[in-house]
Amino acid sequence: MNTKPIDAIANAVLYEGYMLYPYRPSSVKNRQRFNFGVLYPKSYSEKTGSDPWSLQTEFLVEGTAHTTLQVSVRFLKLVERSAEKITGPEVRQNASAAWQEAVECDVAVLSSNLGALEAATLQWAFAFPAKEDSEPRRDTDGRLLDTIVRKQESLYGVVEVAATRVAGGIFKVQVQVKNQTPFEDAACDDLTRNDLAPDDLATQSGRDRALMRSLVSAHVRLGVTDGQFVSLLEPPESLSDLAASCQNVGAWPVLVGAAGERDTMLASPIILYDYPQIAPESPGDLFDGTEIDEILALRIMTMTDDEKSEMRNSDDRARKILERTETLPMEHLMKLHGTLRELRPSRFREETP
C-alpha cells in the first residue's frame, strides 16, 4: 500500500488528544487522556458497559473478484514511565516523572482479493509482547540522579476482513478490529459498585490499567488495486442506498490523497470529510483538537518559566512543541492568523432591469 498520501492525515489522527494544552501532567485535562479511538480489553468493556473493545468499518468497492484489498491497522501502545530515585541506601519512586508515553504500532494484514474475501472471512491475529527497559539519568558531574523505567503490557487482537458482492461490480467490505487482551484487575471490579463517582480514584486507576492493554487512537488504512473505493459521503445516486447500508461503529471511512483519486481510504475515529488536508501553514503537531495553531502558539509563549520547565521535562513530544514554538519566526506566526484559500464565483448575480 502506498501510504504517502495518507500518512500526514493518519498521524494527525494517531496523536489527536495525546497531550492537551497546557501540555503538563499536572493540568487536570491531562490526567485522563486518550478519548479518541480507544479499544479497551473486552472484559473491561463489559464491566463498564460503555467503553468499546472493537471497531467496525464498512465501505463499497467497485471492482471484480480479482481486485486486491490492502488493510493496515495503526494505533498507539502506551508505555508507563516511572523513575526510581536513589537516596542513600534506599530507592524510592519519583512521582514527578510518572507519565504515560506511547509507541506506534502497525498491523499489516495480508493483502487479499475480493473473491477470496467473499469466499471466507480473513482472520489476522496480532500480538505485541510486554517489555520493560531502564535508562539511568545523571547530572553534569556524572552522579546518578535516578533511573527511568519504561514498562509496556502485552497486547493481543485480531483483524477480520470480509466481502460481499451486493451488485454487479460492487462489493461491500467489512473490517473489524478487536482487542482480545486478557484483563483482570481489582480496580476494574470496583467499577460495578454503585457508590463510586465517575472520577473516583479506584475508577481512574482501573481505567489507567486498562489503557495499558488498549489499542489507543486505533484507525484503519485501506488501499485497493485494480478497483476503486466509493465515497460514502457523496456516492453516485445509483449507489446511494448501498452506501447508506454500510454500518460504521467507532470509525468512518473517507477518501484520501489527491482530489478525485479513489484508491486509498482512511477509516478514522474522528469523522473527516473526503480528501482532508493538513494546513500547509501549520508548523507541526499540537495534538489538541479544540484550538487552532495560532491561539495555542500564543498561549505557549505566555507560559511562565516554571510551566515551560514542566512541559519540557514531562514528555519528549511536548518538549519538541515548546522548542518549535519558541523558535517560530514572526513571519510564520503571522501566517497562522488566517489564509484565504480560494475565491468561488457566486451563484447569484445582479440582474439588470
Foldseek 3Di string as FASTA:
>chain_A
DPCVLPVVVLVLLQLQFVAAPVQFCPDPSNLDTFPALKAFAPVLCVLLVPHHFKWKFKFKWQADQQKKKWKKKKFKAKKWKWKWFDDPPDTDTDVLQTDIDIDMDMDTDDIHGQNVLAVDKDKAKDKDAKDKDKDFDADPVRHTGIIMIIIAHMWIWIKIKHWDDDDVRMIMIMIMIGTNDDDDDPLSVCSNDPVDDCPRPSNSVSVVVRSSHIGGSMKMKMFIDRIFTAALVDGPPVCVVVSVPIDTGQWYKAAEGPPPGGGIIMTGSDDDYHHDDDPPLQPDHDSYPPDFRLVSLVVLVPDDPVSLVSSCSHDVVSVVVSVCSVPPDPVSSVPSPDDDDDDDDDPDDDDDD
